[in-house]
Amino acid sequence: MKQYVENANRASKTGSITVDNLEPNSKNPLIAAFFRNIGYAEQLGSGVKKLFEYSKYYSGKEPQFLEDDIFRIIVPLDESYSYDYALFNRKNGVSDTEVDTIDTNKDTNDLKMSLLLYIKQNASCTQKEYADKLAVSLPTVKRLFAKLQKDNLLVREGMNRKGCWKIMEK
């Protein structure tokens, strides 16, 4: 699976961008400087470097940056390669060599079932507490909650801070 992002561009050069040939070039230096000064942006080009660094943790592959009239970023995604996936399997006694052979949907279903069990035990925990119990990241738990709500298996009752989760019967 891949994530694509495209944007119109006034290219200073064409072709593939790598960390080695990266030449940060602001399209609007005044706006870039403003966002750096108020803390909403880092130095020019730091996002490209971070994508190259962190993409390896989630897919084992490097992203592609293609500069032309349309600027394209292609980020490879592989849920079975992610840190959370490996951590969950190690916690459950699955070796690193076995991790590659496990069906991702089956693993996601196992996580959903474990989450539903924890919710049944204590429906008023925070998502962070559920993440700690499952030994996965908070974004992973948020995705699980979204899937369970979409499948009408889980409903939130009450307010955000004082509410609780209710498991729907099928």
Protein backbone atom coordinates (compact mmCIF):
# COMPACT_ATOMS: atom_id res chain seq x y z
CA MET A 1 0.00 0.00 0.00
CA LYS A 2 1.19 3.53 -0.72
CA GLN A 3 0.14 7.02 0.25
CA TYR A 4 0.27 9.60 -2.55
CA VAL A 5 0.34 13.38 -2.20
CA GLU A 6 0.37 15.71 -5.20
CA ASN A 7 0.58 19.47 -5.48
CA ALA A 8 0.98 21.96 -8.31
CA ASN A 9 4.55 23.15 -8.48
CA ARG A 10 6.91 25.65 -10.08
CA ALA A 11 9.89 23.32 -10.27
CA SER A 12 13.40 24.68 -10.05
CA LYS A 13 14.63 21.32 -11.40
CA THR A 14 12.94 18.08 -12.38
CA GLY A 15 13.47 14.53 -11.25
CA SER A 16 13.73 12.54 -8.07
CA ILE A 17 14.74 14.17 -4.78
CA THR A 18 16.87 12.24 -2.29
CA VAL A 19 18.56 13.25 0.96
CA ASP A 20 21.85 13.49 -0.97
CA ASN A 21 20.61 15.86 -3.68
CA LEU A 22 18.13 17.84 -1.55
CA GLU A 23 18.31 21.59 -2.18
CA PRO A 24 15.61 23.26 -0.07
CA ASN A 25 13.97 26.00 -2.10
CA SER A 26 11.12 27.95 -0.56
CA LYS A 27 8.32 28.79 -2.97
CA ASN A 28 7.29 31.68 -0.72
CA PRO A 29 10.16 32.72 1.59
CA LEU A 30 8.13 35.34 3.46
CA ILE A 31 5.45 32.84 4.53
CA ALA A 32 8.09 30.18 5.30
CA ALA A 33 9.97 32.63 7.56
CA PHE A 34 6.75 33.63 9.33
CA PHE A 35 5.85 30.01 10.16
CA ARG A 36 9.42 29.26 11.33
CA ASN A 37 9.33 32.33 13.62
CA ILE A 38 6.06 31.34 15.30
CA GLY A 39 7.21 27.74 15.73
CA TYR A 40 4.91 26.02 13.23
CA ALA A 41 7.73 25.06 10.86
CA GLU A 42 11.27 23.89 11.28
CA GLN A 43 14.19 24.57 8.99
CA LEU A 44 13.56 24.24 5.29
CA GLY A 45 13.98 20.64 4.11
CA SER A 46 13.72 18.99 7.55
CA GLY A 47 10.43 17.29 6.63
CA VAL A 48 12.03 15.50 3.70
CA LYS A 49 14.82 14.22 5.93
CA LYS A 50 12.31 13.02 8.54
CA LEU A 51 10.21 11.21 5.94
CA PHE A 52 13.29 9.36 4.69
CA GLU A 53 14.23 8.45 8.27
CA TYR A 54 10.83 7.36 9.61
CA SER A 55 9.50 5.70 6.47
CA LYS A 56 12.01 2.89 7.05
CA TYR A 57 10.38 2.14 10.42
CA TYR A 58 6.93 1.69 8.91
CA SER A 59 7.63 0.02 5.60
CA GLY A 60 11.32 -0.78 5.29
CA LYS A 61 11.37 1.32 2.11
CA GLU A 62 12.25 4.89 1.24
CA PRO A 63 9.65 7.45 0.11
CA GLN A 64 9.81 8.98 -3.37
CA PHE A 65 9.85 12.72 -4.00
CA LEU A 66 9.29 13.60 -7.65
CA GLU A 67 9.64 17.23 -8.66
CA ASP A 68 8.09 18.40 -11.91
CA ASP A 69 5.09 20.58 -12.80
CA ILE A 70 3.26 18.39 -10.32
CA PHE A 71 5.19 17.69 -7.11
CA ARG A 72 4.53 14.12 -5.92
CA ILE A 73 5.37 12.36 -2.68
CA ILE A 74 4.86 8.61 -2.57
CA VAL A 75 5.18 7.09 0.91
CA PRO A 76 5.16 3.27 1.06
CA LEU A 77 3.09 1.81 3.91
CA ASP A 78 3.23 -1.72 5.29
CA GLU A 79 1.30 -2.31 8.52
CA SER A 80 2.93 -5.70 9.04
CA TYR A 81 6.35 -4.01 9.08
CA SER A 82 5.48 -1.37 11.67
CA TYR A 83 6.98 -1.15 15.15
CA ASP A 84 3.56 -1.62 16.84
CA TYR A 85 2.89 -4.78 14.85
CA ALA A 86 6.23 -6.36 15.81
CA LEU A 87 5.91 -5.25 19.45
CA PHE A 88 2.44 -6.79 19.78
CA ASN A 89 3.61 -10.08 18.29
CA ARG A 90 6.72 -10.26 20.49
CA LYS A 91 4.50 -9.62 23.52
CA ASN A 92 2.29 -12.52 22.42
CA GLY A 93 5.15 -14.95 21.88
CA VAL A 94 5.59 -14.63 18.12
CA SER A 95 9.20 -14.57 16.94
CA ASP A 96 10.53 -11.92 14.54
CA THR A 97 10.79 -14.49 11.73
CA GLU A 98 7.17 -15.48 12.21
CA VAL A 99 5.96 -11.86 12.16
CA ASP A 100 6.39 -11.68 8.38
CA THR A 101 4.17 -14.71 7.80
CA ILE A 102 1.19 -13.60 9.92
CA ASP A 103 -1.93 -12.29 8.21
CA THR A 104 -2.32 -8.58 9.03
CA ASN A 105 -6.13 -8.75 9.14
CA LYS A 106 -5.97 -11.61 11.63
CA ASP A 107 -3.60 -9.60 13.83
CA THR A 108 -5.87 -6.53 13.64
CA ASN A 109 -8.81 -8.75 14.61
CA ASP A 110 -6.81 -10.05 17.59
CA LEU A 111 -6.11 -6.47 18.66
CA LYS A 112 -9.79 -5.58 18.28
CA MET A 113 -10.80 -8.58 20.39
CA SER A 114 -8.24 -7.72 23.09
CA LEU A 115 -9.46 -4.12 23.10
CA LEU A 116 -13.08 -5.22 23.44
CA LEU A 117 -12.09 -7.44 26.39
CA TYR A 118 -10.38 -4.51 28.12
CA ILE A 119 -13.41 -2.30 27.45
CA LYS A 120 -15.68 -4.96 28.92
CA GLN A 121 -13.53 -4.99 32.08
CA ASN A 122 -13.39 -1.19 32.41
CA ALA A 123 -15.40 0.93 29.97
CA SER A 124 -14.23 4.27 31.37
CA CYS A 125 -10.48 4.01 30.66
CA THR A 126 -8.83 6.52 28.38
CA GLN A 127 -7.53 5.53 24.97
CA LYS A 128 -3.99 6.06 26.31
CA GLU A 129 -4.66 3.51 29.09
CA TYR A 130 -5.97 1.01 26.52
CA ALA A 131 -2.85 1.61 24.39
CA ASP A 132 -0.65 0.85 27.41
CA LYS A 133 -2.59 -2.36 28.16
CA LEU A 134 -2.30 -3.52 24.54
CA ALA A 135 1.36 -2.39 24.28
CA VAL A 136 0.66 -0.43 21.09
CA SER A 137 0.78 3.26 20.20
CA LEU A 138 -2.06 5.70 20.83
CA PRO A 139 -2.67 6.23 17.07
CA THR A 140 -3.08 2.46 16.67
CA VAL A 141 -5.72 2.39 19.43
CA LYS A 142 -7.49 5.37 17.87
CA ARG A 143 -7.64 3.50 14.54
CA LEU A 144 -9.04 0.43 16.32
CA PHE A 145 -11.72 2.53 18.03
CA ALA A 146 -12.64 4.12 14.69
CA LYS A 147 -12.95 0.68 13.04
CA LEU A 148 -15.05 -0.68 15.90
CA GLN A 149 -17.35 2.34 15.79
CA LYS A 150 -17.64 2.11 12.00
CA ASP A 151 -18.59 -1.57 12.33
CA ASN A 152 -21.25 -0.61 14.94
CA LEU A 153 -19.55 -2.73 17.60
CA LEU A 154 -18.74 0.17 19.90
CA VAL A 155 -20.53 3.37 20.93
CA ARG A 156 -19.45 6.27 23.11
CA GLU A 157 -21.96 7.24 25.80
CA GLY A 158 -21.74 10.52 27.67
CA MET A 159 -19.27 13.34 27.33
CA ASN A 160 -15.67 12.97 26.17
CA ARG A 161 -14.14 13.33 29.64
CA LYS A 162 -16.78 11.63 31.75
CA GLY A 163 -18.28 9.21 29.28
CA CYS A 164 -17.67 5.52 28.76
CA TRP A 165 -17.64 2.99 25.96
CA LYS A 166 -20.53 0.61 25.35
CA ILE A 167 -20.13 -2.61 23.39
CA MET A 168 -23.02 -3.19 21.03
CA GLU A 169 -24.49 -6.68 20.73
CA LYS A 170 -24.77 -8.16 17.25
